[in-house]
Amino acid sequence: MPIFEYKCSNCGKTFETLELPGQENNVKCTNCGSDDLKKLISAPFLPSSVGKPANDEIRCCGSTAGAKDCTPGSCCGQQPE
C-alpha cells in the first residue's frame, strides 16, 4: 500500500496518508488543514523473515552466531575444524 508520511510546516504535526496511483491527492494536514507539507522519507517495514539468512538462528558455543564475542570466520572465537 502506498502510505506516505508528511510533516506540516504550519503546526508541526506528523501524519500518514494513503495515496493511490492515478488519483489526484490534495493532501492537507489532519490537524490544521494546511497544505504546506513536507513529504518525509520513512524506513520501509520488512517482516523479520525477509532478508534473513537461512542459518541465522544457528547457535555455536552456546551463543547466537554473530555475537559480539565471535570473530568472522570462526565459531565464538574458535577456528573452524
PDB file of N, CA and C in Angstrom:
ATOM      1  N   MET A   1       0.838  -1.177   0.000  1.00  0.00           N
ATOM      2  CA  MET A   1       0.000   0.000   0.000  1.00  0.00           C
ATOM      3  C   MET A   1       0.885   1.243   0.000  1.00  0.00           C
ATOM      4  N   PRO A   2       0.550   2.195  -0.823  1.00  0.00           N
ATOM      5  CA  PRO A   2       1.345   3.424  -0.880  1.00  0.00           C
ATOM      6  C   PRO A   2       0.944   4.393   0.236  1.00  0.00           C
ATOM      7  N   ILE A   3       1.539   4.212   1.386  1.00  0.00           N
ATOM      8  CA  ILE A   3       1.270   5.100   2.521  1.00  0.00           C
ATOM      9  C   ILE A   3       2.457   6.032   2.656  1.00  0.00           C
ATOM     10  N   PHE A   4       2.179   7.335   2.686  1.00  0.00           N
ATOM     11  CA  PHE A   4       3.225   8.338   2.777  1.00  0.00           C
ATOM     12  C   PHE A   4       3.091   9.114   4.073  1.00  0.00           C
ATOM     13  N   GLU A   5       4.236   9.545   4.579  1.00  0.00           N
ATOM     14  CA  GLU A   5       4.274  10.310   5.828  1.00  0.00           C
ATOM     15  C   GLU A   5       4.594  11.765   5.503  1.00  0.00           C
ATOM     16  N   TYR A   6       3.872  12.667   6.128  1.00  0.00           N
ATOM     17  CA  TYR A   6       4.054  14.098   5.914  1.00  0.00           C
ATOM     18  C   TYR A   6       4.240  14.803   7.248  1.00  0.00           C
ATOM     19  N   LYS A   7       4.902  15.970   7.177  1.00  0.00           N
ATOM     20  CA  LYS A   7       5.004  16.839   8.339  1.00  0.00           C
ATOM     21  C   LYS A   7       4.490  18.207   7.920  1.00  0.00           C
ATOM     22  N   CYS A   8       3.590  18.762   8.710  1.00  0.00           N
ATOM     23  CA  CYS A   8       3.002  20.064   8.425  1.00  0.00           C
ATOM     24  C   CYS A   8       3.978  21.172   8.829  1.00  0.00           C
ATOM     25  N   SER A   9       4.264  22.071   7.893  1.00  0.00           N
ATOM     26  CA  SER A   9       5.154  23.203   8.184  1.00  0.00           C
ATOM     27  C   SER A   9       4.455  24.255   9.032  1.00  0.00           C
ATOM     28  N   ASN A  10       3.127  24.230   9.054  1.00  0.00           N
ATOM     29  CA  ASN A  10       2.347  25.219   9.798  1.00  0.00           C
ATOM     30  C   ASN A  10       2.254  24.878  11.286  1.00  0.00           C
ATOM     31  N   CYS A  11       1.830  23.652  11.618  1.00  0.00           N
ATOM     32  CA  CYS A  11       1.617  23.288  13.024  1.00  0.00           C
ATOM     33  C   CYS A  11       2.614  22.258  13.542  1.00  0.00           C
ATOM     34  N   GLY A  12       3.413  21.629  12.639  1.00  0.00           N
ATOM     35  CA  GLY A  12       4.425  20.675  13.066  1.00  0.00           C
ATOM     36  C   GLY A  12       3.935  19.248  13.245  1.00  0.00           C
ATOM     37  N   LYS A  13       2.657  18.982  12.998  1.00  0.00           N
ATOM     38  CA  LYS A  13       2.111  17.628  13.164  1.00  0.00           C
ATOM     39  C   LYS A  13       2.647  16.703  12.071  1.00  0.00           C
ATOM     40  N   THR A  14       2.973  15.466  12.455  1.00  0.00           N
ATOM     41  CA  THR A  14       3.393  14.433  11.515  1.00  0.00           C
ATOM     42  C   THR A  14       2.244  13.437  11.387  1.00  0.00           C
ATOM     43  N   PHE A  15       1.912  13.076  10.126  1.00  0.00           N
ATOM     44  CA  PHE A  15       0.803  12.152   9.901  1.00  0.00           C
ATOM     45  C   PHE A  15       1.063  11.337   8.641  1.00  0.00           C
ATOM     46  N   GLU A  16       0.310  10.239   8.497  1.00  0.00           N
ATOM     47  CA  GLU A  16       0.402   9.360   7.335  1.00  0.00           C
ATOM     48  C   GLU A  16      -0.878   9.438   6.535  1.00  0.00           C
ATOM     49  N   THR A  17      -0.757   9.232   5.211  1.00  0.00           N
ATOM     50  CA  THR A  17      -1.937   9.215   4.362  1.00  0.00           C
ATOM     51  C   THR A  17      -1.745   8.199   3.243  1.00  0.00           C
ATOM     52  N   LEU A  18      -2.834   7.595   2.810  1.00  0.00           N
ATOM     53  CA  LEU A  18      -2.833   6.630   1.722  1.00  0.00           C
ATOM     54  C   LEU A  18      -2.978   7.389   0.415  1.00  0.00           C
ATOM     55  N   GLU A  19      -2.070   7.170  -0.541  1.00  0.00           N
ATOM     56  CA  GLU A  19      -2.131   7.822  -1.847  1.00  0.00           C
ATOM     57  C   GLU A  19      -2.171   6.754  -2.921  1.00  0.00           C
ATOM     58  N   LEU A  20      -3.289   6.653  -3.611  1.00  0.00           N
ATOM     59  CA  LEU A  20      -3.449   5.662  -4.663  1.00  0.00           C
ATOM     60  C   LEU A  20      -2.957   6.217  -5.988  1.00  0.00           C
ATOM     61  N   PRO A  21      -2.279   5.409  -6.809  1.00  0.00           N
ATOM     62  CA  PRO A  21      -1.788   5.875  -8.097  1.00  0.00           C
ATOM     63  C   PRO A  21      -2.937   6.249  -9.024  1.00  0.00           C
ATOM     64  N   GLY A  22      -2.737   7.296  -9.801  1.00  0.00           N
ATOM     65  CA  GLY A  22      -3.745   7.725 -10.759  1.00  0.00           C
ATOM     66  C   GLY A  22      -4.831   8.603 -10.164  1.00  0.00           C
ATOM     67  N   GLN A  23      -4.826   8.776  -8.882  1.00  0.00           N
ATOM     68  CA  GLN A  23      -5.812   9.641  -8.241  1.00  0.00           C
ATOM     69  C   GLN A  23      -5.105  10.899  -7.760  1.00  0.00           C
ATOM     70  N   GLU A  24      -5.672  12.039  -8.117  1.00  0.00           N
ATOM     71  CA  GLU A  24      -5.073  13.296  -7.689  1.00  0.00           C
ATOM     72  C   GLU A  24      -5.369  13.499  -6.205  1.00  0.00           C
ATOM     73  N   ASN A  25      -4.321  13.594  -5.436  1.00  0.00           N
ATOM     74  CA  ASN A  25      -4.483  13.767  -3.996  1.00  0.00           C
ATOM     75  C   ASN A  25      -4.103  15.183  -3.594  1.00  0.00           C
ATOM     76  N   ASN A  26      -5.029  15.862  -2.986  1.00  0.00           N
ATOM     77  CA  ASN A  26      -4.747  17.170  -2.404  1.00  0.00           C
ATOM     78  C   ASN A  26      -4.615  16.947  -0.912  1.00  0.00           C
ATOM     79  N   VAL A  27      -3.417  16.592  -0.495  1.00  0.00           N
ATOM     80  CA  VAL A  27      -3.168  16.247   0.892  1.00  0.00           C
ATOM     81  C   VAL A  27      -3.159  17.507   1.737  1.00  0.00           C
ATOM     82  N   LYS A  28      -3.879  17.448   2.836  1.00  0.00           N
ATOM     83  CA  LYS A  28      -3.927  18.550   3.790  1.00  0.00           C
ATOM     84  C   LYS A  28      -3.641  18.007   5.180  1.00  0.00           C
ATOM     85  N   CYS A  29      -3.102  18.855   6.033  1.00  0.00           N
ATOM     86  CA  CYS A  29      -2.800  18.471   7.401  1.00  0.00           C
ATOM     87  C   CYS A  29      -4.066  18.024   8.114  1.00  0.00           C
ATOM     88  N   THR A  30      -3.975  16.919   8.814  1.00  0.00           N
ATOM     89  CA  THR A  30      -5.128  16.393   9.544  1.00  0.00           C
ATOM     90  C   THR A  30      -5.417  17.192  10.807  1.00  0.00           C
ATOM     91  N   ASN A  31      -4.479  18.057  11.207  1.00  0.00           N
ATOM     92  CA  ASN A  31      -4.648  18.849  12.423  1.00  0.00           C
ATOM     93  C   ASN A  31      -5.176  20.252  12.118  1.00  0.00           C
ATOM     94  N   CYS A  32      -4.523  20.956  11.169  1.00  0.00           N
ATOM     95  CA  CYS A  32      -4.885  22.358  10.926  1.00  0.00           C
ATOM     96  C   CYS A  32      -5.438  22.623   9.531  1.00  0.00           C
ATOM     97  N   GLY A  33      -5.350  21.638   8.626  1.00  0.00           N
ATOM     98  CA  GLY A  33      -5.894  21.797   7.278  1.00  0.00           C
ATOM     99  C   GLY A  33      -4.945  22.480   6.293  1.00  0.00           C
ATOM    100  N   SER A  34      -3.751  22.802   6.706  1.00  0.00           N
ATOM    101  CA  SER A  34      -2.776  23.460   5.837  1.00  0.00           C
ATOM    102  C   SER A  34      -2.305  22.509   4.741  1.00  0.00           C
ATOM    103  N   ASP A  35      -1.949  23.087   3.581  1.00  0.00           N
ATOM    104  CA  ASP A  35      -1.375  22.271   2.517  1.00  0.00           C
ATOM    105  C   ASP A  35       0.131  22.519   2.380  1.00  0.00           C
ATOM    106  N   ASP A  36       0.716  23.229   3.348  1.00  0.00           N
ATOM    107  CA  ASP A  36       2.159  23.474   3.381  1.00  0.00           C
ATOM    108  C   ASP A  36       2.817  22.294   4.096  1.00  0.00           C
ATOM    109  N   LEU A  37       3.041  21.215   3.329  1.00  0.00           N
ATOM    110  CA  LEU A  37       3.509  19.952   3.896  1.00  0.00           C
ATOM    111  C   LEU A  37       4.851  19.557   3.309  1.00  0.00           C
ATOM    112  N   LYS A  38       5.608  18.786   4.088  1.00  0.00           N
ATOM    113  CA  LYS A  38       6.868  18.217   3.624  1.00  0.00           C
ATOM    114  C   LYS A  38       6.720  16.707   3.676  1.00  0.00           C
ATOM    115  N   LYS A  39       6.972  16.045   2.536  1.00  0.00           N
ATOM    116  CA  LYS A  39       6.908  14.582   2.490  1.00  0.00           C
ATOM    117  C   LYS A  39       8.169  14.041   3.152  1.00  0.00           C
ATOM    118  N   LEU A  40       7.999  13.129   4.105  1.00  0.00           N
ATOM    119  CA  LEU A  40       9.120  12.545   4.836  1.00  0.00           C
ATOM    120  C   LEU A  40       9.524  11.222   4.222  1.00  0.00           C
ATOM    121  N   ILE A  41      10.772  10.862   4.407  1.00  0.00           N
ATOM    122  CA  ILE A  41      11.265   9.570   3.957  1.00  0.00           C
ATOM    123  C   ILE A  41      11.207   8.627   5.156  1.00  0.00           C
ATOM    124  N   SER A  42      10.418   7.599   5.019  1.00  0.00           N
ATOM    125  CA  SER A  42      10.229   6.643   6.110  1.00  0.00           C
ATOM    126  C   SER A  42      10.995   5.362   5.819  1.00  0.00           C
ATOM    127  N   ALA A  43      11.434   4.703   6.860  1.00  0.00           N
ATOM    128  CA  ALA A  43      12.069   3.395   6.715  1.00  0.00           C
ATOM    129  C   ALA A  43      10.996   2.386   6.344  1.00  0.00           C
ATOM    130  N   PRO A  44      11.263   1.529   5.358  1.00  0.00           N
ATOM    131  CA  PRO A  44      10.258   0.546   4.967  1.00  0.00           C
ATOM    132  C   PRO A  44      10.100  -0.528   6.032  1.00  0.00           C
ATOM    133  N   PHE A  45       8.912  -1.078   6.108  1.00  0.00           N
ATOM    134  CA  PHE A  45       8.653  -2.188   7.017  1.00  0.00           C
ATOM    135  C   PHE A  45       8.997  -3.475   6.295  1.00  0.00           C
ATOM    136  N   LEU A  46       9.805  -4.306   6.915  1.00  0.00           N
ATOM    137  CA  LEU A  46      10.123  -5.622   6.371  1.00  0.00           C
ATOM    138  C   LEU A  46       9.829  -6.660   7.438  1.00  0.00           C
ATOM    139  N   PRO A  47       9.062  -7.683   7.086  1.00  0.00           N
ATOM    140  CA  PRO A  47       8.846  -8.754   8.057  1.00  0.00           C
ATOM    141  C   PRO A  47      10.186  -9.341   8.479  1.00  0.00           C
ATOM    142  N   SER A  48      10.251  -9.899   9.653  1.00  0.00           N
ATOM    143  CA  SER A  48      11.521 -10.399  10.183  1.00  0.00           C
ATOM    144  C   SER A  48      12.118 -11.509   9.327  1.00  0.00           C
ATOM    145  N   SER A  49      11.319 -12.183   8.519  1.00  0.00           N
ATOM    146  CA  SER A  49      11.840 -13.281   7.704  1.00  0.00           C
ATOM    147  C   SER A  49      12.476 -12.795   6.405  1.00  0.00           C
ATOM    148  N   VAL A  50      12.225 -11.547   5.998  1.00  0.00           N
ATOM    149  CA  VAL A  50      12.766 -11.030   4.741  1.00  0.00           C
ATOM    150  C   VAL A  50      14.227 -10.659   4.921  1.00  0.00           C
ATOM    151  N   GLY A  51      15.072 -11.159   4.050  1.00  0.00           N
ATOM    152  CA  GLY A  51      16.478 -10.812   4.063  1.00  0.00           C
ATOM    153  C   GLY A  51      17.290 -11.488   5.151  1.00  0.00           C
ATOM    154  N   LYS A  52      16.708 -12.433   5.844  1.00  0.00           N
ATOM    155  CA  LYS A  52      17.391 -13.127   6.929  1.00  0.00           C
ATOM    156  C   LYS A  52      18.052 -14.375   6.373  1.00  0.00           C
ATOM    157  N   PRO A  53      19.313 -14.597   6.657  1.00  0.00           N
ATOM    158  CA  PRO A  53      19.943 -15.824   6.181  1.00  0.00           C
ATOM    159  C   PRO A  53      19.249 -17.062   6.748  1.00  0.00           C
ATOM    160  N   ALA A  54      19.263 -18.133   5.985  1.00  0.00           N
ATOM    161  CA  ALA A  54      18.590 -19.365   6.401  1.00  0.00           C
ATOM    162  C   ALA A  54      19.156 -19.906   7.702  1.00  0.00           C
ATOM    163  N   ASN A  55      20.432 -19.661   7.968  1.00  0.00           N
ATOM    164  CA  ASN A  55      21.059 -20.199   9.169  1.00  0.00           C
ATOM    165  C   ASN A  55      21.213 -19.141  10.260  1.00  0.00           C
ATOM    166  N   ASP A  56      20.416 -18.108  10.232  1.00  0.00           N
ATOM    167  CA  ASP A  56      20.558 -17.006  11.172  1.00  0.00           C
ATOM    168  C   ASP A  56      20.360 -17.428  12.628  1.00  0.00           C
ATOM    169  N   GLU A  57      19.599 -18.463  12.861  1.00  0.00           N
ATOM    170  CA  GLU A  57      19.314 -18.890  14.225  1.00  0.00           C
ATOM    171  C   GLU A  57      20.285 -19.967  14.721  1.00  0.00           C
ATOM    172  N   ILE A  58      21.269 -20.332  13.898  1.00  0.00           N
ATOM    173  CA  ILE A  58      22.240 -21.356  14.308  1.00  0.00           C
ATOM    174  C   ILE A  58      23.035 -20.830  15.497  1.00  0.00           C
ATOM    175  N   ARG A  59      23.183 -21.672  16.478  1.00  0.00           N
ATOM    176  CA  ARG A  59      23.955 -21.289  17.656  1.00  0.00           C
ATOM    177  C   ARG A  59      25.265 -22.070  17.671  1.00  0.00           C
ATOM    178  N   CYS A  60      26.309 -21.409  18.125  1.00  0.00           N
ATOM    179  CA  CYS A  60      27.578 -22.091  18.269  1.00  0.00           C
ATOM    180  C   CYS A  60      28.135 -21.750  19.640  1.00  0.00           C
ATOM    181  N   CYS A  61      28.731 -22.691  20.261  1.00  0.00           N
ATOM    182  CA  CYS A  61      29.359 -22.478  21.574  1.00  0.00           C
ATOM    183  C   CYS A  61      28.388 -21.877  22.584  1.00  0.00           C
ATOM    184  N   GLY A  62      27.112 -22.138  22.402  1.00  0.00           N
ATOM    185  CA  GLY A  62      26.128 -21.661  23.362  1.00  0.00           C
ATOM    186  C   GLY A  62      25.669 -20.223  23.170  1.00  0.00           C
ATOM    187  N   SER A  63      26.112 -19.551  22.098  1.00  0.00           N
ATOM    188  CA  SER A  63      25.632 -18.193  21.854  1.00  0.00           C
ATOM    189  C   SER A  63      25.149 -18.079  20.420  1.00  0.00           C
ATOM    190  N   THR A  64      24.456 -17.009  20.103  1.00  0.00           N
ATOM    191  CA  THR A  64      23.941 -16.798  18.765  1.00  0.00           C
ATOM    192  C   THR A  64      25.091 -16.516  17.818  1.00  0.00           C
ATOM    193  N   ALA A  65      25.045 -17.093  16.638  1.00  0.00           N
ATOM    194  CA  ALA A  65      26.089 -16.832  15.636  1.00  0.00           C
ATOM    195  C   ALA A  65      26.143 -15.338  15.374  1.00  0.00           C
ATOM    196  N   GLY A  66      27.326 -14.798  15.295  1.00  0.00           N
ATOM    197  CA  GLY A  66      27.487 -13.370  15.060  1.00  0.00           C
ATOM    198  C   GLY A  66      27.486 -12.553  16.333  1.00  0.00           C
ATOM    199  N   ALA A  67      27.486 -13.206  17.481  1.00  0.00           N
ATOM    200  CA  ALA A  67      27.527 -12.477  18.750  1.00  0.00           C
ATOM    201  C   ALA A  67      28.806 -11.670  18.822  1.00  0.00           C
ATOM    202  N   LYS A  68      28.809 -10.636  19.667  1.00  0.00           N
ATOM    203  CA  LYS A  68      29.953  -9.728  19.693  1.00  0.00           C
ATOM    204  C   LYS A  68      31.271 -10.410  20.051  1.00  0.00           C
ATOM    205  N   ASP A  69      31.227 -11.545  20.753  1.00  0.00           N
ATOM    206  CA  ASP A  69      32.472 -12.224  21.101  1.00  0.00           C
ATOM    207  C   ASP A  69      32.923 -13.191  20.017  1.00  0.00           C
ATOM    208  N   CYS A  70      32.130 -13.373  18.950  1.00  0.00           N
ATOM    209  CA  CYS A  70      32.528 -14.231  17.833  1.00  0.00           C
ATOM    210  C   CYS A  70      33.256 -13.386  16.801  1.00  0.00           C
ATOM    211  N   THR A  71      34.280 -13.957  16.183  1.00  0.00           N
ATOM    212  CA  THR A  71      35.002 -13.251  15.134  1.00  0.00           C
ATOM    213  C   THR A  71      34.614 -13.834  13.789  1.00  0.00           C
ATOM    214  N   PRO A  72      34.663 -13.036  12.717  1.00  0.00           N
ATOM    215  CA  PRO A  72      34.290 -13.545  11.395  1.00  0.00           C
ATOM    216  C   PRO A  72      35.127 -14.760  11.024  1.00  0.00           C
ATOM    217  N   GLY A  73      34.484 -15.782  10.468  1.00  0.00           N
ATOM    218  CA  GLY A  73      35.171 -16.979  10.023  1.00  0.00           C
ATOM    219  C   GLY A  73      35.415 -17.992  11.116  1.00  0.00           C
ATOM    220  N   SER A  74      34.971 -17.702  12.323  1.00  0.00           N
ATOM    221  CA  SER A  74      35.163 -18.670  13.401  1.00  0.00           C
ATOM    222  C   SER A  74      33.876 -18.801  14.194  1.00  0.00           C
ATOM    223  N   CYS A  75      33.852 -19.814  15.045  1.00  0.00           N
ATOM    224  CA  CYS A  75      32.688 -20.045  15.882  1.00  0.00           C
ATOM    225  C   CYS A  75      33.036 -19.591  17.288  1.00  0.00           C
ATOM    226  N   CYS A  76      32.537 -18.449  17.674  1.00  0.00           N
ATOM    227  CA  CYS A  76      32.772 -17.888  19.010  1.00  0.00           C
ATOM    228  C   CYS A  76      34.261 -17.792  19.313  1.00  0.00           C
ATOM    229  N   GLY A  77      35.035 -17.352  18.315  1.00  0.00           N
ATOM    230  CA  GLY A  77      36.449 -17.161  18.512  1.00  0.00           C
ATOM    231  C   GLY A  77      37.301 -18.370  18.235  1.00  0.00           C
ATOM    232  N   GLN A  78      36.676 -19.542  17.979  1.00  0.00           N
ATOM    233  CA  GLN A  78      37.440 -20.757  17.699  1.00  0.00           C
ATOM    234  C   GLN A  78      37.580 -20.919  16.188  1.00  0.00           C
ATOM    235  N   GLN A  79      38.708 -21.375  15.764  1.00  0.00           N
ATOM    236  CA  GLN A  79      38.932 -21.617  14.337  1.00  0.00           C
ATOM    237  C   GLN A  79      38.133 -22.827  13.909  1.00  0.00           C
ATOM    238  N   PRO A  80      37.512 -22.782  12.715  1.00  0.00           N
ATOM    239  CA  PRO A  80      36.747 -23.944  12.239  1.00  0.00           C
ATOM    240  C   PRO A  80      37.663 -25.142  12.030  1.00  0.00           C
ATOM    241  N   GLU A  81      37.136 -26.325  12.277  1.00  0.00           N
ATOM    242  CA  GLU A  81      37.945 -27.560  12.160  1.00  0.00           C
ATOM    243  C   GLU A  81      37.969 -28.041  10.735  1.00  0.00           C
TER     244      GLU A  81
END
